[in-house]
């Protein structure tokens, strides 16, 4: 399993509302994609203009070839395309052995 983190910065309040709505629509495509293990969008408390989208993928190949080459990516990207310029950082990470037994 790998975890993709996409960090956004969206200063305008109205744009943030639209972004959250677009993420909800894009998430429908993630739910359909068998390669996606789950996702979560979080918003900064101290800095509400900052968001992190966390997406779990079965593997790098499942993410990059399976999802991006599959039938759901185009609709997913169409929803988030207006916010591509707001991305500050994106990367894929693999879990380590340091892991809580609790779920949050």
PDB file of N, CA and C in Angstrom:
ATOM      1  N   UNK A   1       0.829  -1.179   0.000  1.00  0.00           N
ATOM      2  CA  UNK A   1       0.000   0.000   0.000  1.00  0.00           C
ATOM      3  C   UNK A   1       0.875   1.245   0.000  1.00  0.00           C
ATOM      4  N   UNK A   2       0.413   2.272  -0.710  1.00  0.00           N
ATOM      5  CA  UNK A   2       1.061   3.585  -0.670  1.00  0.00           C
ATOM      6  C   UNK A   2      -0.005   4.630  -0.344  1.00  0.00           C
ATOM      7  N   UNK A   3       0.466   5.757   0.160  1.00  0.00           N
ATOM      8  CA  UNK A   3      -0.431   6.861   0.478  1.00  0.00           C
ATOM      9  C   UNK A   3       0.028   8.084  -0.304  1.00  0.00           C
ATOM     10  N   UNK A   4      -0.887   8.650  -1.053  1.00  0.00           N
ATOM     11  CA  UNK A   4      -0.611   9.873  -1.807  1.00  0.00           C
ATOM     12  C   UNK A   4      -1.122  11.051  -0.981  1.00  0.00           C
ATOM     13  N   UNK A   5      -0.279  12.067  -0.822  1.00  0.00           N
ATOM     14  CA  UNK A   5      -0.673  13.302  -0.149  1.00  0.00           C
ATOM     15  C   UNK A   5      -0.608  14.431  -1.163  1.00  0.00           C
ATOM     16  N   UNK A   6      -1.699  15.168  -1.283  1.00  0.00           N
ATOM     17  CA  UNK A   6      -1.743  16.345  -2.151  1.00  0.00           C
ATOM     18  C   UNK A   6      -2.104  17.520  -1.256  1.00  0.00           C
ATOM     19  N   UNK A   7      -1.211  18.503  -1.191  1.00  0.00           N
ATOM     20  CA  UNK A   7      -1.433  19.662  -0.327  1.00  0.00           C
ATOM     21  C   UNK A   7      -1.800  20.872  -1.181  1.00  0.00           C
ATOM     22  N   UNK A   8      -2.897  21.495  -0.820  1.00  0.00           N
ATOM     23  CA  UNK A   8      -3.431  22.655  -1.535  1.00  0.00           C
ATOM     24  C   UNK A   8      -3.404  23.876  -0.626  1.00  0.00           C
ATOM     25  N   UNK A   9      -3.276  25.042  -1.234  1.00  0.00           N
ATOM     26  CA  UNK A   9      -3.470  26.306  -0.524  1.00  0.00           C
ATOM     27  C   UNK A   9      -4.442  27.138  -1.352  1.00  0.00           C
ATOM     28  N   UNK A  10      -5.594  27.445  -0.740  1.00  0.00           N
ATOM     29  CA  UNK A  10      -6.661  28.163  -1.438  1.00  0.00           C
ATOM     30  C   UNK A  10      -7.084  29.341  -0.556  1.00  0.00           C
ATOM     31  N   UNK A  11      -6.521  30.528  -0.803  1.00  0.00           N
ATOM     32  CA  UNK A  11      -6.775  31.680   0.074  1.00  0.00           C
ATOM     33  C   UNK A  11      -8.210  32.211   0.059  1.00  0.00           C
ATOM     34  N   UNK A  12      -8.877  32.183  -1.067  1.00  0.00           N
ATOM     35  CA  UNK A  12     -10.198  32.789  -1.199  1.00  0.00           C
ATOM     36  C   UNK A  12     -11.291  31.900  -0.588  1.00  0.00           C
ATOM     37  N   UNK A  13     -12.095  32.468   0.303  1.00  0.00           N
ATOM     38  CA  UNK A  13     -13.127  31.707   1.014  1.00  0.00           C
ATOM     39  C   UNK A  13     -14.147  31.070   0.055  1.00  0.00           C
ATOM     40  N   UNK A  14     -14.641  31.823  -0.885  1.00  0.00           N
ATOM     41  CA  UNK A  14     -15.636  31.287  -1.825  1.00  0.00           C
ATOM     42  C   UNK A  14     -15.041  30.171  -2.672  1.00  0.00           C
ATOM     43  N   UNK A  15     -13.789  30.320  -3.033  1.00  0.00           N
ATOM     44  CA  UNK A  15     -13.101  29.287  -3.814  1.00  0.00           C
ATOM     45  C   UNK A  15     -12.922  28.017  -2.988  1.00  0.00           C
ATOM     46  N   UNK A  16     -12.704  28.172  -1.683  1.00  0.00           N
ATOM     47  CA  UNK A  16     -12.579  27.001  -0.806  1.00  0.00           C
ATOM     48  C   UNK A  16     -13.888  26.216  -0.757  1.00  0.00           C
ATOM     49  N   UNK A  17     -15.001  26.929  -0.711  1.00  0.00           N
ATOM     50  CA  UNK A  17     -16.306  26.255  -0.710  1.00  0.00           C
ATOM     51  C   UNK A  17     -16.481  25.448  -1.996  1.00  0.00           C
ATOM     52  N   UNK A  18     -16.124  26.059  -3.116  1.00  0.00           N
ATOM     53  CA  UNK A  18     -16.226  25.367  -4.407  1.00  0.00           C
ATOM     54  C   UNK A  18     -15.256  24.185  -4.475  1.00  0.00           C
ATOM     55  N   UNK A  19     -14.073  24.348  -3.900  1.00  0.00           N
ATOM     56  CA  UNK A  19     -13.073  23.276  -3.891  1.00  0.00           C
ATOM     57  C   UNK A  19     -13.594  22.055  -3.124  1.00  0.00           C
ATOM     58  N   UNK A  20     -14.169  22.292  -1.959  1.00  0.00           N
ATOM     59  CA  UNK A  20     -14.685  21.178  -1.170  1.00  0.00           C
ATOM     60  C   UNK A  20     -15.806  20.450  -1.929  1.00  0.00           C
ATOM     61  N   UNK A  21     -16.626  21.208  -2.615  1.00  0.00           N
ATOM     62  CA  UNK A  21     -17.689  20.600  -3.421  1.00  0.00           C
ATOM     63  C   UNK A  21     -17.082  19.773  -4.564  1.00  0.00           C
ATOM     64  N   UNK A  22     -16.059  20.316  -5.219  1.00  0.00           N
ATOM     65  CA  UNK A  22     -15.393  19.601  -6.316  1.00  0.00           C
ATOM     66  C   UNK A  22     -14.721  18.332  -5.804  1.00  0.00           C
ATOM     67  N   UNK A  23     -14.125  18.398  -4.620  1.00  0.00           N
ATOM     68  CA  UNK A  23     -13.503  17.199  -4.046  1.00  0.00           C
ATOM     69  C   UNK A  23     -14.541  16.129  -3.762  1.00  0.00           C
ATOM     70  N   UNK A  24     -15.701  16.551  -3.305  1.00  0.00           N
ATOM     71  CA  UNK A  24     -16.778  15.587  -3.079  1.00  0.00           C
ATOM     72  C   UNK A  24     -17.203  14.902  -4.360  1.00  0.00           C
ATOM     73  N   UNK A  25     -17.302  15.663  -5.432  1.00  0.00           N
ATOM     74  CA  UNK A  25     -17.661  15.082  -6.732  1.00  0.00           C
ATOM     75  C   UNK A  25     -16.548  14.175  -7.251  1.00  0.00           C
ATOM     76  N   UNK A  26     -15.299  14.608  -7.094  1.00  0.00           N
ATOM     77  CA  UNK A  26     -14.154  13.793  -7.537  1.00  0.00           C
ATOM     78  C   UNK A  26     -14.075  12.498  -6.739  1.00  0.00           C
ATOM     79  N   UNK A  27     -14.435  12.568  -5.460  1.00  0.00           N
ATOM     80  CA  UNK A  27     -14.375  11.388  -4.599  1.00  0.00           C
ATOM     81  C   UNK A  27     -15.304  10.284  -5.089  1.00  0.00           C
ATOM     82  N   UNK A  28     -16.369  10.644  -5.772  1.00  0.00           N
ATOM     83  CA  UNK A  28     -17.256   9.622  -6.321  1.00  0.00           C
ATOM     84  C   UNK A  28     -16.496   8.712  -7.285  1.00  0.00           C
ATOM     85  N   UNK A  29     -15.544   9.288  -8.020  1.00  0.00           N
ATOM     86  CA  UNK A  29     -14.733   8.487  -8.945  1.00  0.00           C
ATOM     87  C   UNK A  29     -13.745   7.604  -8.188  1.00  0.00           C
ATOM     88  N   UNK A  30     -13.210   8.125  -7.077  1.00  0.00           N
ATOM     89  CA  UNK A  30     -12.320   7.308  -6.255  1.00  0.00           C
ATOM     90  C   UNK A  30     -13.069   6.112  -5.681  1.00  0.00           C
ATOM     91  N   UNK A  31     -14.328   6.329  -5.284  1.00  0.00           N
ATOM     92  CA  UNK A  31     -15.128   5.226  -4.746  1.00  0.00           C
ATOM     93  C   UNK A  31     -15.356   4.129  -5.780  1.00  0.00           C
ATOM     94  N   UNK A  32     -15.430   4.504  -7.042  1.00  0.00           N
ATOM     95  CA  UNK A  32     -15.648   3.531  -8.110  1.00  0.00           C
ATOM     96  C   UNK A  32     -14.373   2.785  -8.501  1.00  0.00           C
ATOM     97  N   UNK A  33     -13.226   3.392  -8.264  1.00  0.00           N
ATOM     98  CA  UNK A  33     -11.941   2.824  -8.708  1.00  0.00           C
ATOM     99  C   UNK A  33     -11.492   1.708  -7.761  1.00  0.00           C
ATOM    100  N   UNK A  34     -11.326   0.503  -8.255  1.00  0.00           N
ATOM    101  CA  UNK A  34     -10.912  -0.602  -7.380  1.00  0.00           C
ATOM    102  C   UNK A  34      -9.495  -0.435  -6.827  1.00  0.00           C
ATOM    103  N   UNK A  35      -8.680   0.409  -7.449  1.00  0.00           N
ATOM    104  CA  UNK A  35      -7.308   0.622  -6.990  1.00  0.00           C
ATOM    105  C   UNK A  35      -7.242   1.501  -5.742  1.00  0.00           C
ATOM    106  N   UNK A  36      -8.302   2.280  -5.499  1.00  0.00           N
ATOM    107  CA  UNK A  36      -8.324   3.218  -4.375  1.00  0.00           C
ATOM    108  C   UNK A  36      -8.787   2.496  -3.115  1.00  0.00           C
ATOM    109  N   UNK A  37      -7.988   2.607  -2.058  1.00  0.00           N
ATOM    110  CA  UNK A  37      -8.301   1.953  -0.790  1.00  0.00           C
ATOM    111  C   UNK A  37      -9.053   2.865   0.170  1.00  0.00           C
ATOM    112  N   UNK A  38      -9.087   4.151  -0.122  1.00  0.00           N
ATOM    113  CA  UNK A  38      -9.771   5.113   0.737  1.00  0.00           C
ATOM    114  C   UNK A  38      -9.160   6.488   0.562  1.00  0.00           C
ATOM    115  N   UNK A  39      -9.815   7.490   1.130  1.00  0.00           N
ATOM    116  CA  UNK A  39      -9.346   8.873   0.976  1.00  0.00           C
ATOM    117  C   UNK A  39      -9.878   9.718   2.121  1.00  0.00           C
ATOM    118  N   UNK A  40      -9.270  10.875   2.289  1.00  0.00           N
ATOM    119  CA  UNK A  40      -9.695  11.825   3.309  1.00  0.00           C
ATOM    120  C   UNK A  40      -9.217  13.217   2.908  1.00  0.00           C
ATOM    121  N   UNK A  41     -10.101  14.191   2.987  1.00  0.00           N
ATOM    122  CA  UNK A  41      -9.737  15.585   2.773  1.00  0.00           C
ATOM    123  C   UNK A  41      -9.779  16.276   4.119  1.00  0.00           C
ATOM    124  N   UNK A  42      -8.677  16.915   4.507  1.00  0.00           N
ATOM    125  CA  UNK A  42      -8.632  17.662   5.758  1.00  0.00           C
ATOM    126  C   UNK A  42      -8.324  19.124   5.461  1.00  0.00           C
ATOM    127  N   UNK A  43      -8.816  19.995   6.364  1.00  0.00           N
ATOM    128  CA  UNK A  43      -8.603  21.442   6.239  1.00  0.00           C
ATOM    129  C   UNK A  43      -7.867  21.910   7.483  1.00  0.00           C
ATOM    130  N   UNK A  44      -6.939  22.836   7.288  1.00  0.00           N
ATOM    131  CA  UNK A  44      -6.181  23.373   8.412  1.00  0.00           C
ATOM    132  C   UNK A  44      -7.074  24.105   9.401  1.00  0.00           C
ATOM    133  N   UNK A  45      -6.813  23.918  10.676  1.00  0.00           N
ATOM    134  CA  UNK A  45      -7.553  24.624  11.719  1.00  0.00           C
ATOM    135  C   UNK A  45      -6.964  26.020  11.899  1.00  0.00           C
ATOM    136  N   UNK A  46      -5.652  26.089  12.091  1.00  0.00           N
ATOM    137  CA  UNK A  46      -4.994  27.381  12.246  1.00  0.00           C
ATOM    138  C   UNK A  46      -4.900  28.130  10.923  1.00  0.00           C
ATOM    139  N   UNK A  47      -4.797  27.380   9.837  1.00  0.00           N
ATOM    140  CA  UNK A  47      -4.697  27.976   8.503  1.00  0.00           C
ATOM    141  C   UNK A  47      -5.770  27.340   7.612  1.00  0.00           C
ATOM    142  N   UNK A  48      -6.998  27.865   7.654  1.00  0.00           N
ATOM    143  CA  UNK A  48      -8.093  27.235   6.917  1.00  0.00           C
ATOM    144  C   UNK A  48      -7.959  27.299   5.401  1.00  0.00           C
ATOM    145  N   UNK A  49      -6.952  27.992   4.906  1.00  0.00           N
ATOM    146  CA  UNK A  49      -6.728  28.018   3.461  1.00  0.00           C
ATOM    147  C   UNK A  49      -5.884  26.830   2.996  1.00  0.00           C
ATOM    148  N   UNK A  50      -5.464  25.972   3.917  1.00  0.00           N
ATOM    149  CA  UNK A  50      -4.632  24.816   3.573  1.00  0.00           C
ATOM    150  C   UNK A  50      -5.432  23.521   3.708  1.00  0.00           C
ATOM    151  N   UNK A  51      -5.297  22.698   2.697  1.00  0.00           N
ATOM    152  CA  UNK A  51      -5.981  21.402   2.648  1.00  0.00           C
ATOM    153  C   UNK A  51      -4.962  20.312   2.359  1.00  0.00           C
ATOM    154  N   UNK A  52      -5.244  19.131   2.852  1.00  0.00           N
ATOM    155  CA  UNK A  52      -4.479  17.944   2.483  1.00  0.00           C
ATOM    156  C   UNK A  52      -5.461  16.856   2.063  1.00  0.00           C
ATOM    157  N   UNK A  53      -5.262  16.359   0.855  1.00  0.00           N
ATOM    158  CA  UNK A  53      -6.030  15.215   0.364  1.00  0.00           C
ATOM    159  C   UNK A  53      -5.131  13.994   0.487  1.00  0.00           C
ATOM    160  N   UNK A  54      -5.589  13.018   1.242  1.00  0.00           N
ATOM    161  CA  UNK A  54      -4.840  11.779   1.455  1.00  0.00           C
ATOM    162  C   UNK A  54      -5.605  10.665   0.763  1.00  0.00           C
ATOM    163  N   UNK A  55      -4.906   9.933  -0.119  1.00  0.00           N
ATOM    164  CA  UNK A  55      -5.532   8.838  -0.870  1.00  0.00           C
ATOM    165  C   UNK A  55      -4.672   7.589  -0.718  1.00  0.00           C
ATOM    166  N   UNK A  56      -5.290   6.501  -0.326  1.00  0.00           N
ATOM    167  CA  UNK A  56      -4.594   5.222  -0.228  1.00  0.00           C
ATOM    168  C   UNK A  56      -4.748   4.446  -1.522  1.00  0.00           C
ATOM    169  N   UNK A  57      -3.632   3.905  -2.003  1.00  0.00           N
ATOM    170  CA  UNK A  57      -3.623   3.112  -3.231  1.00  0.00           C
ATOM    171  C   UNK A  57      -3.006   1.755  -2.932  1.00  0.00           C
ATOM    172  N   UNK A  58      -3.444   0.741  -3.646  1.00  0.00           N
ATOM    173  CA  UNK A  58      -2.905  -0.606  -3.450  1.00  0.00           C
ATOM    174  C   UNK A  58      -1.406  -0.658  -3.738  1.00  0.00           C
ATOM    175  N   UNK A  59      -0.955   0.077  -4.762  1.00  0.00           N
ATOM    176  CA  UNK A  59       0.459   0.114  -5.122  1.00  0.00           C
ATOM    177  C   UNK A  59       0.697   1.328  -6.017  1.00  0.00           C
ATOM    178  N   UNK A  60       1.955   1.646  -6.251  1.00  0.00           N
ATOM    179  CA  UNK A  60       2.301   2.738  -7.171  1.00  0.00           C
ATOM    180  C   UNK A  60       1.736   2.428  -8.556  1.00  0.00           C
ATOM    181  N   UNK A  61       1.881   1.180  -8.985  1.00  0.00           N
ATOM    182  CA  UNK A  61       1.397   0.779 -10.304  1.00  0.00           C
ATOM    183  C   UNK A  61      -0.127   0.903 -10.401  1.00  0.00           C
ATOM    184  N   UNK A  62      -0.812   0.494  -9.343  1.00  0.00           N
ATOM    185  CA  UNK A  62      -2.267   0.626  -9.351  1.00  0.00           C
ATOM    186  C   UNK A  62      -2.690   2.084  -9.454  1.00  0.00           C
ATOM    187  N   UNK A  63      -1.937   2.960  -8.814  1.00  0.00           N
ATOM    188  CA  UNK A  63      -2.249   4.389  -8.883  1.00  0.00           C
ATOM    189  C   UNK A  63      -1.912   4.959 -10.247  1.00  0.00           C
ATOM    190  N   UNK A  64      -0.659   4.779 -10.655  1.00  0.00           N
ATOM    191  CA  UNK A  64      -0.173   5.458 -11.858  1.00  0.00           C
ATOM    192  C   UNK A  64      -0.655   4.823 -13.159  1.00  0.00           C
ATOM    193  N   UNK A  65      -0.722   3.509 -13.225  1.00  0.00           N
ATOM    194  CA  UNK A  65      -1.190   2.872 -14.452  1.00  0.00           C
ATOM    195  C   UNK A  65      -2.667   2.492 -14.357  1.00  0.00           C
ATOM    196  N   UNK A  66      -3.047   1.856 -13.265  1.00  0.00           N
ATOM    197  CA  UNK A  66      -4.415   1.384 -13.129  1.00  0.00           C
ATOM    198  C   UNK A  66      -5.437   2.511 -13.067  1.00  0.00           C
ATOM    199  N   UNK A  67      -5.300   3.389 -12.071  1.00  0.00           N
ATOM    200  CA  UNK A  67      -6.277   4.473 -11.928  1.00  0.00           C
ATOM    201  C   UNK A  67      -6.133   5.512 -13.028  1.00  0.00           C
ATOM    202  N   UNK A  68      -4.923   6.012 -13.223  1.00  0.00           N
ATOM    203  CA  UNK A  68      -4.732   7.063 -14.239  1.00  0.00           C
ATOM    204  C   UNK A  68      -5.015   6.566 -15.650  1.00  0.00           C
ATOM    205  N   UNK A  69      -4.837   5.284 -15.890  1.00  0.00           N
ATOM    206  CA  UNK A  69      -5.122   4.723 -17.209  1.00  0.00           C
ATOM    207  C   UNK A  69      -6.519   4.138 -17.327  1.00  0.00           C
ATOM    208  N   UNK A  70      -7.275   4.206 -16.236  1.00  0.00           N
ATOM    209  CA  UNK A  70      -8.590   3.587 -16.215  1.00  0.00           C
ATOM    210  C   UNK A  70      -9.727   4.555 -16.521  1.00  0.00           C
ATOM    211  N   UNK A  71     -10.944   4.072 -16.394  1.00  0.00           N
ATOM    212  CA  UNK A  71     -12.116   4.837 -16.812  1.00  0.00           C
ATOM    213  C   UNK A  71     -12.549   5.957 -15.863  1.00  0.00           C
ATOM    214  N   UNK A  72     -11.998   6.017 -14.644  1.00  0.00           N
ATOM    215  CA  UNK A  72     -12.485   6.988 -13.664  1.00  0.00           C
ATOM    216  C   UNK A  72     -11.612   8.233 -13.544  1.00  0.00           C
ATOM    217  N   UNK A  73     -10.395   8.153 -14.033  1.00  0.00           N
ATOM    218  CA  UNK A  73      -9.450   9.257 -13.853  1.00  0.00           C
ATOM    219  C   UNK A  73      -9.893  10.531 -14.566  1.00  0.00           C
ATOM    220  N   UNK A  74     -10.394  10.404 -15.759  1.00  0.00           N
ATOM    221  CA  UNK A  74     -10.763  11.597 -16.546  1.00  0.00           C
ATOM    222  C   UNK A  74     -11.816  12.441 -15.818  1.00  0.00           C
ATOM    223  N   UNK A  75     -12.843  11.805 -15.284  1.00  0.00           N
ATOM    224  CA  UNK A  75     -13.891  12.538 -14.559  1.00  0.00           C
ATOM    225  C   UNK A  75     -13.360  13.093 -13.235  1.00  0.00           C
ATOM    226  N   UNK A  76     -12.494  12.326 -12.572  1.00  0.00           N
ATOM    227  CA  UNK A  76     -11.853  12.787 -11.334  1.00  0.00           C
ATOM    228  C   UNK A  76     -11.055  14.060 -11.599  1.00  0.00           C
ATOM    229  N   UNK A  77     -10.223  14.018 -12.621  1.00  0.00           N
ATOM    230  CA  UNK A  77      -9.385  15.168 -12.952  1.00  0.00           C
ATOM    231  C   UNK A  77     -10.210  16.363 -13.406  1.00  0.00           C
ATOM    232  N   UNK A  78     -11.287  16.125 -14.122  1.00  0.00           N
ATOM    233  CA  UNK A  78     -12.139  17.222 -14.585  1.00  0.00           C
ATOM    234  C   UNK A  78     -12.675  18.034 -13.408  1.00  0.00           C
ATOM    235  N   UNK A  79     -13.017  17.372 -12.314  1.00  0.00           N
ATOM    236  CA  UNK A  79     -13.529  18.077 -11.134  1.00  0.00           C
ATOM    237  C   UNK A  79     -12.445  18.919 -10.464  1.00  0.00           C
ATOM    238  N   UNK A  80     -11.217  18.407 -10.437  1.00  0.00           N
ATOM    239  CA  UNK A  80     -10.142  19.082  -9.694  1.00  0.00           C
ATOM    240  C   UNK A  80      -9.242  19.953 -10.563  1.00  0.00           C
ATOM    241  N   UNK A  81      -9.413  19.904 -11.877  1.00  0.00           N
ATOM    242  CA  UNK A  81      -8.563  20.680 -12.779  1.00  0.00           C
ATOM    243  C   UNK A  81      -8.482  22.169 -12.407  1.00  0.00           C
ATOM    244  N   UNK A  82      -9.583  22.827 -12.027  1.00  0.00           N
ATOM    245  CA  UNK A  82      -9.492  24.249 -11.685  1.00  0.00           C
ATOM    246  C   UNK A  82      -8.585  24.541 -10.487  1.00  0.00           C
ATOM    247  N   UNK A  83      -8.211  23.509  -9.740  1.00  0.00           N
ATOM    248  CA  UNK A  83      -7.422  23.695  -8.522  1.00  0.00           C
ATOM    249  C   UNK A  83      -5.994  23.156  -8.644  1.00  0.00           C
ATOM    250  N   UNK A  84      -5.605  22.733  -9.823  1.00  0.00           N
ATOM    251  CA  UNK A  84      -4.250  22.207 -10.005  1.00  0.00           C
ATOM    252  C   UNK A  84      -3.191  23.252  -9.681  1.00  0.00           C
ATOM    253  N   UNK A  85      -3.463  24.512  -9.992  1.00  0.00           N
ATOM    254  CA  UNK A  85      -2.519  25.586  -9.686  1.00  0.00           C
ATOM    255  C   UNK A  85      -2.420  25.904  -8.207  1.00  0.00           C
ATOM    256  N   UNK A  86      -3.333  25.377  -7.401  1.00  0.00           N
ATOM    257  CA  UNK A  86      -3.322  25.596  -5.956  1.00  0.00           C
ATOM    258  C   UNK A  86      -2.531  24.527  -5.208  1.00  0.00           C
ATOM    259  N   UNK A  87      -2.034  23.536  -5.930  1.00  0.00           N
ATOM    260  CA  UNK A  87      -1.260  22.468  -5.302  1.00  0.00           C
ATOM    261  C   UNK A  87       0.108  23.007  -4.900  1.00  0.00           C
ATOM    262  N   UNK A  88       0.444  22.799  -3.630  1.00  0.00           N
ATOM    263  CA  UNK A  88       1.765  23.183  -3.125  1.00  0.00           C
ATOM    264  C   UNK A  88       2.742  22.014  -3.129  1.00  0.00           C
ATOM    265  N   UNK A  89       2.212  20.810  -2.953  1.00  0.00           N
ATOM    266  CA  UNK A  89       3.077  19.637  -2.839  1.00  0.00           C
ATOM    267  C   UNK A  89       2.250  18.395  -3.132  1.00  0.00           C
ATOM    268  N   UNK A  90       2.868  17.424  -3.760  1.00  0.00           N
ATOM    269  CA  UNK A  90       2.224  16.135  -3.999  1.00  0.00           C
ATOM    270  C   UNK A  90       3.297  15.059  -3.947  1.00  0.00           C
ATOM    271  N   UNK A  91       2.964  13.936  -3.341  1.00  0.00           N
ATOM    272  CA  UNK A  91       3.940  12.854  -3.265  1.00  0.00           C
ATOM    273  C   UNK A  91       3.287  11.565  -2.815  1.00  0.00           C
ATOM    274  N   UNK A  92       3.971  10.469  -3.089  1.00  0.00           N
ATOM    275  CA  UNK A  92       3.528   9.142  -2.688  1.00  0.00           C
ATOM    276  C   UNK A  92       4.450   8.645  -1.579  1.00  0.00           C
ATOM    277  N   UNK A  93       3.857   8.077  -0.558  1.00  0.00           N
ATOM    278  CA  UNK A  93       4.600   7.631   0.617  1.00  0.00           C
ATOM    279  C   UNK A  93       4.217   6.194   0.935  1.00  0.00           C
ATOM    280  N   UNK A  94       5.149   5.471   1.532  1.00  0.00           N
ATOM    281  CA  UNK A  94       4.822   4.126   1.983  1.00  0.00           C
ATOM    282  C   UNK A  94       4.833   4.104   3.506  1.00  0.00           C
ATOM    283  N   UNK A  95       3.917   3.355   4.091  1.00  0.00           N
ATOM    284  CA  UNK A  95       3.846   3.285   5.547  1.00  0.00           C
ATOM    285  C   UNK A  95       5.110   2.662   6.137  1.00  0.00           C
ATOM    286  N   UNK A  96       5.391   3.021   7.365  1.00  0.00           N
ATOM    287  CA  UNK A  96       6.497   2.421   8.115  1.00  0.00           C
ATOM    288  C   UNK A  96       5.896   1.548   9.214  1.00  0.00           C
ATOM    289  N   UNK A  97       6.749   0.995  10.040  1.00  0.00           N
ATOM    290  CA  UNK A  97       6.271   0.135  11.129  1.00  0.00           C
ATOM    291  C   UNK A  97       5.716   0.948  12.299  1.00  0.00           C
ATOM    292  N   UNK A  98       5.883   2.264  12.281  1.00  0.00           N
ATOM    293  CA  UNK A  98       5.353   3.109  13.348  1.00  0.00           C
ATOM    294  C   UNK A  98       3.902   3.434  13.008  1.00  0.00           C
ATOM    295  N   UNK A  99       2.985   2.780  13.717  1.00  0.00           N
ATOM    296  CA  UNK A  99       1.571   2.882  13.390  1.00  0.00           C
ATOM    297  C   UNK A  99       0.741   2.698  14.658  1.00  0.00           C
ATOM    298  N   UNK A 100      -0.198   3.563  14.858  1.00  0.00           N
ATOM    299  CA  UNK A 100      -1.081   3.480  16.007  1.00  0.00           C
ATOM    300  C   UNK A 100      -2.025   2.287  15.870  1.00  0.00           C
ATOM    301  N   UNK A 101      -2.376   1.697  16.989  1.00  0.00           N
ATOM    302  CA  UNK A 101      -3.369   0.630  16.995  1.00  0.00           C
ATOM    303  C   UNK A 101      -4.776   1.220  16.992  1.00  0.00           C
ATOM    304  N   UNK A 102      -4.871   2.490  17.273  1.00  0.00           N
ATOM    305  CA  UNK A 102      -6.174   3.163  17.298  1.00  0.00           C
ATOM    306  C   UNK A 102      -6.485   3.709  15.928  1.00  0.00           C
ATOM    307  N   UNK A 103      -7.746   3.813  15.632  1.00  0.00           N
ATOM    308  CA  UNK A 103      -8.205   4.425  14.370  1.00  0.00           C
ATOM    309  C   UNK A 103      -8.650   5.829  14.670  1.00  0.00           C
ATOM    310  N   UNK A 104      -8.394   6.735  13.753  1.00  0.00           N
ATOM    311  CA  UNK A 104      -8.897   8.104  13.918  1.00  0.00           C
ATOM    312  C   UNK A 104      -9.529   8.590  12.645  1.00  0.00           C
TER     313      UNK A 104
END
